[in-house]
C-alpha cells in the first residue's frame, strides 16, 4: 500500500509527496533527510493522506496535486481532512 500525502510547512505552504509510510517520511523530512523544499520550509504536520494500491497510482496523484494551486489544496484538505491514523 502507498500513500499520497500533504504536509503543512511553517511558511503556510503545502508539500505533496508519496510514501509507503507517511509518518516515517514526515520524521525524515524533520530530520533534514527529506526534500530541499521541506528543508527550506520546515514541515509542521501531516495534514492529509490518500491510500493507493500501487506506487504508480500514488505518483500519478502526487503529480496531479503538485499542479494544483494552494487554494485548491486547502479546499481538498478542508473537505477531506481527518486526523491521521496511519491509514487514509
C-alpha atoms as a PDB file:
ATOM      1  CA  UNK A   1       0.000   0.000   0.000  1.00  0.00           C
ATOM      2  CA  UNK A   2       1.216   3.506  -0.832  1.00  0.00           C
ATOM      3  CA  UNK A   3       0.077   6.947   0.209  1.00  0.00           C
ATOM      4  CA  UNK A   4      -0.026  10.350  -1.376  1.00  0.00           C
ATOM      5  CA  UNK A   5       0.326  12.860   1.449  1.00  0.00           C
ATOM      6  CA  UNK A   6       0.355  16.580   2.139  1.00  0.00           C
ATOM      7  CA  UNK A   7       2.460  18.301   4.789  1.00  0.00           C
ATOM      8  CA  UNK A   8       1.811  21.780   6.080  1.00  0.00           C
ATOM      9  CA  UNK A   9       5.030  23.789   6.319  1.00  0.00           C
ATOM     10  CA  UNK A  10       5.958  26.618   8.702  1.00  0.00           C
ATOM     11  CA  UNK A  11       5.562  29.238   5.968  1.00  0.00           C
ATOM     12  CA  UNK A  12       1.992  28.065   5.237  1.00  0.00           C
ATOM     13  CA  UNK A  13       2.926  26.200   2.069  1.00  0.00           C
ATOM     14  CA  UNK A  14       1.957  22.607   1.350  1.00  0.00           C
ATOM     15  CA  UNK A  15       4.325  19.830   0.369  1.00  0.00           C
ATOM     16  CA  UNK A  16       2.939  16.894  -1.612  1.00  0.00           C
ATOM     17  CA  UNK A  17       4.742  13.550  -1.524  1.00  0.00           C
ATOM     18  CA  UNK A  18       4.418   9.770  -1.777  1.00  0.00           C
ATOM     19  CA  UNK A  19       5.457   7.095   0.693  1.00  0.00           C
ATOM     20  CA  UNK A  20       4.604   3.621   1.907  1.00  0.00           C
ATOM     21  CA  UNK A  21       4.786   5.068   5.456  1.00  0.00           C
ATOM     22  CA  UNK A  22       3.818   8.776   5.618  1.00  0.00           C
ATOM     23  CA  UNK A  23       4.579   9.169   9.325  1.00  0.00           C
ATOM     24  CA  UNK A  24       8.110   7.822   8.878  1.00  0.00           C
ATOM     25  CA  UNK A  25       8.555  10.128   5.905  1.00  0.00           C
ATOM     26  CA  UNK A  26       7.476  13.129   7.986  1.00  0.00           C
ATOM     27  CA  UNK A  27      10.148  12.211  10.537  1.00  0.00           C
ATOM     28  CA  UNK A  28      12.721  12.041   7.738  1.00  0.00           C
ATOM     29  CA  UNK A  29      11.663  15.476   6.482  1.00  0.00           C
ATOM     30  CA  UNK A  30      12.010  16.861  10.017  1.00  0.00           C
ATOM     31  CA  UNK A  31      15.491  15.323  10.332  1.00  0.00           C
ATOM     32  CA  UNK A  32      16.598  17.062   7.146  1.00  0.00           C
ATOM     33  CA  UNK A  33      16.519  13.875   5.052  1.00  0.00           C
ATOM     34  CA  UNK A  34      13.503  14.968   3.026  1.00  0.00           C
ATOM     35  CA  UNK A  35      13.329  17.231   0.029  1.00  0.00           C
ATOM     36  CA  UNK A  36      15.005  20.591  -0.497  1.00  0.00           C
ATOM     37  CA  UNK A  37      11.509  22.107  -0.296  1.00  0.00           C
ATOM     38  CA  UNK A  38      10.886  20.885   3.247  1.00  0.00           C
ATOM     39  CA  UNK A  39      14.462  21.621   4.324  1.00  0.00           C
ATOM     40  CA  UNK A  40      13.837  25.273   3.458  1.00  0.00           C
ATOM     41  CA  UNK A  41      10.279  25.467   4.825  1.00  0.00           C
ATOM     42  CA  UNK A  42      10.251  23.217   7.934  1.00  0.00           C
ATOM     43  CA  UNK A  43       7.255  20.874   7.842  1.00  0.00           C
ATOM     44  CA  UNK A  44       4.899  21.241  10.791  1.00  0.00           C
ATOM     45  CA  UNK A  45       2.488  18.362  10.415  1.00  0.00           C
ATOM     46  CA  UNK A  46       0.966  15.714   8.207  1.00  0.00           C
ATOM     47  CA  UNK A  47      -2.439  17.084   7.275  1.00  0.00           C
ATOM     48  CA  UNK A  48      -3.776  14.766   4.568  1.00  0.00           C
ATOM     49  CA  UNK A  49      -3.241  11.245   3.245  1.00  0.00           C
ATOM     50  CA  UNK A  50      -4.813   9.202   0.489  1.00  0.00           C
ATOM     51  CA  UNK A  51      -4.261   5.457   0.123  1.00  0.00           C
ATOM     52  CA  UNK A  52      -3.310   3.911  -3.238  1.00  0.00           C
ATOM     53  CA  UNK A  53      -2.863   0.257  -4.232  1.00  0.00           C
ATOM     54  CA  UNK A  54       0.284   0.886  -6.310  1.00  0.00           C
ATOM     55  CA  UNK A  55       3.235   3.251  -6.327  1.00  0.00           C
ATOM     56  CA  UNK A  56       2.306   4.253  -9.874  1.00  0.00           C
ATOM     57  CA  UNK A  57      -1.192   5.391  -8.861  1.00  0.00           C
ATOM     58  CA  UNK A  58       0.182   7.280  -5.844  1.00  0.00           C
ATOM     59  CA  UNK A  59       2.773   9.043  -8.051  1.00  0.00           C
ATOM     60  CA  UNK A  60       0.078   9.932 -10.582  1.00  0.00           C
ATOM     61  CA  UNK A  61      -1.997  11.553  -7.825  1.00  0.00           C
ATOM     62  CA  UNK A  62       1.104  13.301  -6.428  1.00  0.00           C
ATOM     63  CA  UNK A  63       1.858  14.822  -9.830  1.00  0.00           C
ATOM     64  CA  UNK A  64      -1.758  15.944 -10.182  1.00  0.00           C
ATOM     65  CA  UNK A  65      -1.783  17.614  -6.757  1.00  0.00           C
ATOM     66  CA  UNK A  66       1.565  19.328  -7.333  1.00  0.00           C
ATOM     67  CA  UNK A  67      -0.039  21.187 -10.238  1.00  0.00           C
ATOM     68  CA  UNK A  68      -2.927  22.411  -8.073  1.00  0.00           C
ATOM     69  CA  UNK A  69      -2.952  25.897  -6.597  1.00  0.00           C
ATOM     70  CA  UNK A  70      -2.520  26.468  -2.879  1.00  0.00           C
ATOM     71  CA  UNK A  71      -6.225  27.357  -2.668  1.00  0.00           C
ATOM     72  CA  UNK A  72      -7.293  24.091  -4.315  1.00  0.00           C
ATOM     73  CA  UNK A  73      -5.078  22.076  -1.959  1.00  0.00           C
ATOM     74  CA  UNK A  74      -6.569  23.939   1.009  1.00  0.00           C
ATOM     75  CA  UNK A  75     -10.064  23.141  -0.230  1.00  0.00           C
ATOM     76  CA  UNK A  76      -9.173  19.451  -0.579  1.00  0.00           C
ATOM     77  CA  UNK A  77      -7.753  19.379   2.932  1.00  0.00           C
ATOM     78  CA  UNK A  78     -10.748  21.197   4.380  1.00  0.00           C
ATOM     79  CA  UNK A  79     -13.154  18.767   2.788  1.00  0.00           C
ATOM     80  CA  UNK A  80     -11.197  15.549   3.321  1.00  0.00           C
ATOM     81  CA  UNK A  81      -9.057  16.251   6.392  1.00  0.00           C
ATOM     82  CA  UNK A  82      -9.338  13.927   9.347  1.00  0.00           C
ATOM     83  CA  UNK A  83      -6.738  13.048  11.972  1.00  0.00           C
ATOM     84  CA  UNK A  84      -4.026  10.766  10.609  1.00  0.00           C
ATOM     85  CA  UNK A  85      -4.334   7.218  11.885  1.00  0.00           C
ATOM     86  CA  UNK A  86      -1.743   5.539   9.699  1.00  0.00           C
ATOM     87  CA  UNK A  87      -4.348   4.831   7.047  1.00  0.00           C
ATOM     88  CA  UNK A  88      -6.288   7.246   4.881  1.00  0.00           C
END
